[in-house]
Amino acid sequence: MDHAGPALEARGLTKDFDVGLRGRRLRALDNVNLRVEAGEVFGLLGANGSGKSTLLKIALGLLRASGGECAVLGRPAGVRAVRRSVGYLPESPAFFPHLTGREVVRYFAALSGCAGKAGAARADEVLAQVGLQAAADRAAGGYSKGMRQRLGLAQALVHDPDLLILDEPTAGVDVVGAAAIDALIAGLRARGKTIVLTSHTVTQIAALCDRVTVLERGRVTLSGEVKTLAAGNGRTWNWAAPNDAAAEQLARWLAERGWPAPTPADDRGRLEQILLAATQGERRDA
């Protein structure tokens, strides 16, 4: 799908849910603004309940926004042309347990319009890409959690999407399996694939993402670019708070943990420190 603008853009995005029988409403997203450029890996970081998955479901057309706009590949989120150009890995992918890994991926290839010999060849290609070629003819019901995640990544890639959305791709996966999945994502990044990645793990965001946005209770609290410094200096965080109140909140988080707060003249700090401060603030207040 040809498109010259951002891969994903949210403008004033808001989502409310009805809660209970008394008409009470829960605001899951509150005036969210973000922009994902083509060819980058964009991270969404936040604790459970911060709004990450809600935002992704709106982008995928699975939920309707209560307010604001969400565009994917230059079109309104959820339209057919967009859906065919997006690959999605849910946090806990589920497959028919009696189907083999190869059959699962061929099925998704056929759904995307790539059937027959071409679909079979493409399925074999992505199964090899995610390291499942040796297990391709085993029933998916016997796969480990890490293997199911890699199978989910294969089905998300089989139609060569312009945008890949990964919701907590290593959640519940052991250390070895998580490292394998992170390596796959890093390889996709090196090939220029546009990826939106949600995580609650600071180190994963630091290692894989070009830019990151932190969500807290449905609001953007931090948004910035991750850059590699000179050898030995690790990574830095260029942060931008959406308003003065959010900037003051960041300063309080850092001060409470004994870390120096960035100033307008020197707004760089350790990526891990600032993101950890943000996510710890969410958990403390929850």
Protein backbone atom coordinates (compact mmCIF):
# COMPACT_ATOMS: atom_id res chain seq x y z
CA MET A 1 0.00 0.00 0.00
CA ASP A 2 1.68 3.21 -1.20
CA HIS A 3 1.73 5.96 1.40
CA ALA A 4 4.17 8.82 1.96
CA GLY A 5 3.04 10.06 5.40
CA PRO A 6 3.25 8.57 8.89
CA ALA A 7 2.47 4.89 9.32
CA LEU A 8 0.23 5.62 12.29
CA GLU A 9 -1.03 8.89 13.71
CA ALA A 10 -3.34 9.64 16.63
CA ARG A 11 -4.75 13.12 17.15
CA GLY A 12 -6.69 13.88 20.31
CA LEU A 13 -7.61 10.20 20.60
CA THR A 14 -10.06 9.46 23.41
CA LYS A 15 -11.82 6.26 24.45
CA ASP A 16 -14.50 5.86 27.14
CA PHE A 17 -16.01 2.60 28.38
CA ASP A 18 -19.31 2.18 30.20
CA VAL A 19 -18.72 0.59 33.61
CA GLY A 20 -21.42 -1.07 35.70
CA LEU A 21 -25.14 -0.34 35.68
CA ARG A 22 -25.14 3.26 36.92
CA GLY A 23 -23.86 4.90 33.77
CA ARG A 24 -20.34 5.39 35.12
CA ARG A 25 -17.72 5.83 32.40
CA LEU A 26 -14.07 4.88 32.46
CA ARG A 27 -11.70 6.94 30.31
CA ALA A 28 -9.13 4.52 28.90
CA LEU A 29 -7.49 7.04 26.53
CA ASP A 30 -7.44 10.77 27.15
CA ASN A 31 -6.44 13.12 24.31
CA VAL A 32 -3.59 10.95 23.04
CA ASN A 33 -1.38 12.38 20.31
CA LEU A 34 1.40 10.38 18.67
CA ARG A 35 2.99 9.83 15.28
CA VAL A 36 4.80 6.74 14.00
CA GLU A 37 7.05 7.31 11.00
CA ALA A 38 7.64 4.72 8.29
CA GLY A 39 10.67 2.53 8.87
CA GLU A 40 10.97 3.04 12.62
CA VAL A 41 10.34 0.87 15.65
CA PHE A 42 8.01 2.78 17.94
CA GLY A 43 7.55 1.69 21.54
CA LEU A 44 4.51 2.11 23.76
CA LEU A 45 5.51 1.68 27.39
CA GLY A 46 3.22 1.53 30.38
CA ALA A 47 1.89 -0.60 33.20
CA ASN A 48 -1.16 -2.81 32.82
CA GLY A 49 -4.24 -0.63 32.38
CA SER A 50 -2.32 2.32 30.96
CA GLY A 51 -4.20 2.20 27.64
CA LYS A 52 -1.62 0.55 25.37
CA SER A 53 -3.82 -2.29 24.13
CA THR A 54 -6.84 0.00 23.79
CA LEU A 55 -4.86 2.28 21.50
CA LEU A 56 -3.75 -0.67 19.37
CA LYS A 57 -7.29 -2.03 19.10
CA ILE A 58 -8.49 1.34 17.81
CA ALA A 59 -5.65 1.41 15.27
CA LEU A 60 -6.64 -2.10 14.15
CA GLY A 61 -10.32 -1.19 13.82
CA LEU A 62 -11.35 -3.52 16.66
CA LEU A 63 -12.63 -0.62 18.78
CA ARG A 64 -14.18 2.71 17.86
CA ALA A 65 -12.72 5.84 19.39
CA SER A 66 -14.97 8.05 21.49
CA GLY A 67 -13.23 11.14 20.20
CA GLY A 68 -10.29 12.32 18.13
CA GLU A 69 -8.82 10.66 15.06
CA CYS A 70 -6.62 7.67 14.29
CA ALA A 71 -5.08 7.20 10.85
CA VAL A 72 -3.14 4.15 9.69
CA LEU A 73 -1.10 4.36 6.49
CA GLY A 74 -2.93 7.56 5.64
CA ARG A 75 -6.43 6.08 5.89
CA PRO A 76 -8.96 5.94 8.73
CA ALA A 77 -8.17 3.08 11.09
CA GLY A 78 -10.04 -0.14 10.36
CA VAL A 79 -10.89 0.31 6.67
CA ARG A 80 -10.39 -2.81 4.54
CA ALA A 81 -7.43 -1.48 2.54
CA VAL A 82 -5.60 -0.70 5.78
CA ARG A 83 -6.35 -4.04 7.43
CA ARG A 84 -4.75 -5.91 4.54
CA SER A 85 -1.56 -3.87 5.01
CA VAL A 86 -1.16 -4.42 8.76
CA GLY A 87 0.22 -7.44 10.61
CA TYR A 88 -0.85 -8.01 14.21
CA LEU A 89 0.55 -10.18 16.98
CA PRO A 90 -1.79 -10.18 20.01
CA GLU A 91 -0.39 -10.63 23.50
CA SER A 92 -1.64 -14.23 23.70
CA PRO A 93 -2.16 -15.62 20.18
CA ALA A 94 -4.47 -18.64 19.96
CA PHE A 95 -4.58 -21.21 17.18
CA PHE A 96 -6.55 -24.36 16.40
CA PRO A 97 -4.52 -26.87 18.44
CA HIS A 98 -4.90 -29.71 15.93
CA LEU A 99 -3.37 -27.71 13.06
CA THR A 100 0.36 -27.86 12.46
CA GLY A 101 2.42 -24.69 12.49
CA ARG A 102 2.72 -24.91 8.71
CA GLU A 103 -1.06 -25.28 8.31
CA VAL A 104 -1.67 -22.30 10.58
CA VAL A 105 0.57 -19.99 8.57
CA ARG A 106 -0.76 -21.26 5.23
CA TYR A 107 -4.28 -20.56 6.48
CA PHE A 108 -3.40 -16.95 7.30
CA ALA A 109 -1.60 -16.62 3.96
CA ALA A 110 -4.79 -17.71 2.19
CA LEU A 111 -6.85 -15.22 4.21
CA SER A 112 -4.56 -12.46 2.96
CA GLY A 113 -5.07 -13.55 -0.66
CA CYS A 114 -1.90 -15.61 -1.06
CA ALA A 115 -3.05 -19.20 -1.59
CA GLY A 116 -1.82 -22.24 -3.51
CA LYS A 117 1.86 -22.73 -4.24
CA ALA A 118 2.67 -19.08 -3.61
CA GLY A 119 1.04 -19.21 -0.18
CA ALA A 120 2.81 -22.44 0.70
CA ALA A 121 6.17 -21.00 -0.32
CA ARG A 122 5.57 -17.80 1.63
CA ALA A 123 4.51 -19.78 4.71
CA ASP A 124 7.71 -21.83 4.58
CA GLU A 125 9.73 -18.62 4.19
CA VAL A 126 8.34 -16.93 7.31
CA LEU A 127 8.45 -20.15 9.36
CA ALA A 128 12.16 -20.30 8.61
CA GLN A 129 12.49 -16.60 9.41
CA VAL A 130 11.07 -17.11 12.92
CA GLY A 131 13.03 -20.32 13.52
CA LEU A 132 10.13 -22.78 13.41
CA GLN A 133 11.00 -24.75 10.30
CA ALA A 134 11.99 -27.82 12.36
CA ALA A 135 8.67 -27.74 14.23
CA ALA A 136 6.50 -26.72 11.28
CA ASP A 137 4.77 -30.10 11.02
CA ARG A 138 4.03 -30.45 14.73
CA ALA A 139 0.58 -29.63 16.10
CA ALA A 140 0.42 -26.06 17.36
CA GLY A 141 -1.32 -27.30 20.50
CA GLY A 142 1.98 -28.82 21.60
CA TYR A 143 4.01 -25.64 21.14
CA SER A 144 5.59 -23.87 24.11
CA LYS A 145 4.59 -20.29 24.93
CA GLY A 146 7.67 -18.94 23.14
CA MET A 147 6.97 -21.07 20.07
CA ARG A 148 3.36 -19.87 19.98
CA GLN A 149 4.59 -16.28 20.06
CA ARG A 150 6.95 -16.98 17.16
CA LEU A 151 4.12 -18.70 15.28
CA GLY A 152 2.02 -15.60 15.92
CA LEU A 153 4.81 -13.47 14.50
CA ALA A 154 4.95 -15.70 11.42
CA GLN A 155 1.22 -15.27 10.73
CA ALA A 156 1.59 -11.51 11.23
CA LEU A 157 4.40 -11.41 8.66
CA VAL A 158 3.08 -13.82 6.05
CA HIS A 159 1.42 -11.13 3.91
CA ASP A 160 4.48 -8.82 4.16
CA PRO A 161 2.59 -5.98 5.89
CA ASP A 162 3.59 -2.33 5.67
CA LEU A 163 2.99 -1.96 9.42
CA LEU A 164 3.59 -4.60 12.08
CA ILE A 165 1.83 -4.22 15.45
CA LEU A 166 3.18 -6.33 18.33
CA ASP A 167 1.29 -6.32 21.62
CA GLU A 168 3.56 -7.49 24.46
CA PRO A 169 5.39 -9.99 22.21
CA THR A 170 7.46 -11.51 25.03
CA ALA A 171 4.83 -11.52 27.80
CA GLY A 172 4.95 -14.80 29.71
CA VAL A 173 7.91 -16.10 27.70
CA ASP A 174 11.03 -17.43 29.44
CA VAL A 175 14.38 -15.64 29.16
CA VAL A 176 15.67 -17.76 26.28
CA GLY A 177 12.43 -17.46 24.33
CA ALA A 178 12.23 -13.70 24.94
CA ALA A 179 15.78 -13.24 23.68
CA ALA A 180 14.91 -15.15 20.50
CA ILE A 181 11.85 -12.98 19.88
CA ASP A 182 13.81 -9.78 20.56
CA ALA A 183 16.42 -10.95 18.04
CA LEU A 184 13.68 -11.48 15.44
CA ILE A 185 12.33 -7.97 16.04
CA ALA A 186 15.84 -6.52 15.79
CA GLY A 187 16.27 -8.30 12.45
CA LEU A 188 13.00 -6.86 11.16
CA ARG A 189 14.13 -3.43 12.32
CA ALA A 190 17.40 -3.81 10.42
CA ARG A 191 15.40 -4.56 7.26
CA GLY A 192 13.40 -1.35 7.66
CA LYS A 193 10.07 -2.84 8.77
CA THR A 194 7.77 -0.35 10.49
CA ILE A 195 6.88 -1.74 13.91
CA VAL A 196 4.73 -0.58 16.82
CA LEU A 197 5.71 -2.49 19.93
CA THR A 198 4.00 -2.39 23.32
CA SER A 199 5.85 -3.46 26.42
CA HIS A 200 6.09 -2.93 30.15
CA THR A 201 9.80 -3.86 30.06
CA VAL A 202 12.17 -0.89 30.00
CA THR A 203 15.16 -2.86 28.74
CA GLN A 204 13.21 -4.20 25.75
CA ILE A 205 12.13 -0.70 24.74
CA ALA A 206 15.69 0.59 25.17
CA ALA A 207 17.18 -2.17 23.04
CA LEU A 208 14.69 -2.26 20.17
CA CYS A 209 12.96 1.09 19.71
CA ASP A 210 13.86 4.28 17.87
CA ARG A 211 11.22 6.33 19.69
CA VAL A 212 8.95 5.68 22.64
CA THR A 213 5.83 7.07 24.26
CA VAL A 214 4.91 6.41 27.89
CA LEU A 215 1.22 6.07 28.74
CA GLU A 216 -0.16 6.48 32.25
CA ARG A 217 -3.88 5.95 32.86
CA GLY A 218 -4.62 6.74 29.24
CA ARG A 219 -2.51 9.88 29.01
CA VAL A 220 0.80 10.53 27.31
CA THR A 221 3.26 11.48 30.04
CA LEU A 222 6.50 11.25 28.06
CA SER A 223 7.41 11.00 24.40
CA GLY A 224 10.83 11.08 22.82
CA GLU A 225 13.64 9.57 20.78
CA VAL A 226 16.14 6.92 21.83
CA LYS A 227 19.62 7.59 20.51
CA THR A 228 22.87 5.66 20.66
CA LEU A 229 25.72 7.68 22.16
CA ALA A 230 29.44 7.18 21.71
CA ALA A 231 30.82 3.78 22.68
CA GLY A 232 30.61 3.19 26.41
CA ASN A 233 28.00 5.87 27.05
CA GLY A 234 24.93 3.66 26.53
CA ARG A 235 21.68 5.31 25.48
CA THR A 236 20.09 8.63 26.24
CA TRP A 237 16.55 9.87 26.43
CA ASN A 238 15.40 13.05 24.74
CA TRP A 239 12.12 13.66 26.48
CA ALA A 240 9.21 15.92 25.74
CA ALA A 241 6.37 16.42 28.19
CA PRO A 242 3.01 17.41 26.65
CA ASN A 243 2.48 20.16 29.23
CA ASP A 244 4.02 21.78 32.30
CA ALA A 245 2.07 19.54 34.68
CA ALA A 246 3.55 16.40 33.08
CA ALA A 247 7.04 17.91 33.23
CA GLU A 248 6.59 18.65 36.92
CA GLN A 249 5.34 15.10 37.48
CA LEU A 250 8.48 13.69 35.86
CA ALA A 251 10.67 15.88 38.03
CA ARG A 252 8.87 14.62 41.15
CA TRP A 253 9.31 10.97 40.10
CA LEU A 254 13.04 11.47 39.66
CA ALA A 255 13.48 13.48 42.87
CA GLU A 256 11.63 10.87 44.95
CA ARG A 257 14.11 8.25 43.74
CA GLY A 258 17.22 10.35 44.21
CA TRP A 259 17.82 10.96 40.51
CA PRO A 260 18.61 14.39 39.07
CA ALA A 261 15.76 15.88 37.08
CA PRO A 262 16.51 17.16 33.56
CA THR A 263 16.34 20.91 33.14
CA PRO A 264 15.41 22.97 30.05
CA ALA A 265 19.13 23.61 29.53
CA ASP A 266 20.09 19.97 29.96
CA ASP A 267 17.13 17.74 29.21
CA ARG A 268 19.05 14.50 28.77
CA GLY A 269 19.03 11.71 31.30
CA ARG A 270 19.49 8.01 31.42
CA LEU A 271 16.80 6.25 29.36
CA GLU A 272 16.37 3.46 31.84
CA GLN A 273 16.12 5.84 34.80
CA ILE A 274 13.46 8.06 33.30
CA LEU A 275 11.33 5.28 31.86
CA LEU A 276 11.61 3.26 35.05
CA ALA A 277 10.58 6.34 37.01
CA ALA A 278 7.52 6.73 34.80
CA THR A 279 6.39 3.13 35.04
CA GLN A 280 7.08 2.93 38.78
CA GLY A 281 5.00 6.04 39.20
CA GLU A 282 2.10 4.27 37.49
CA ARG A 283 2.34 1.26 39.76
CA ARG A 284 2.70 3.31 42.89
CA ASP A 285 -0.43 5.34 42.15
CA ALA A 286 -2.55 2.44 40.86
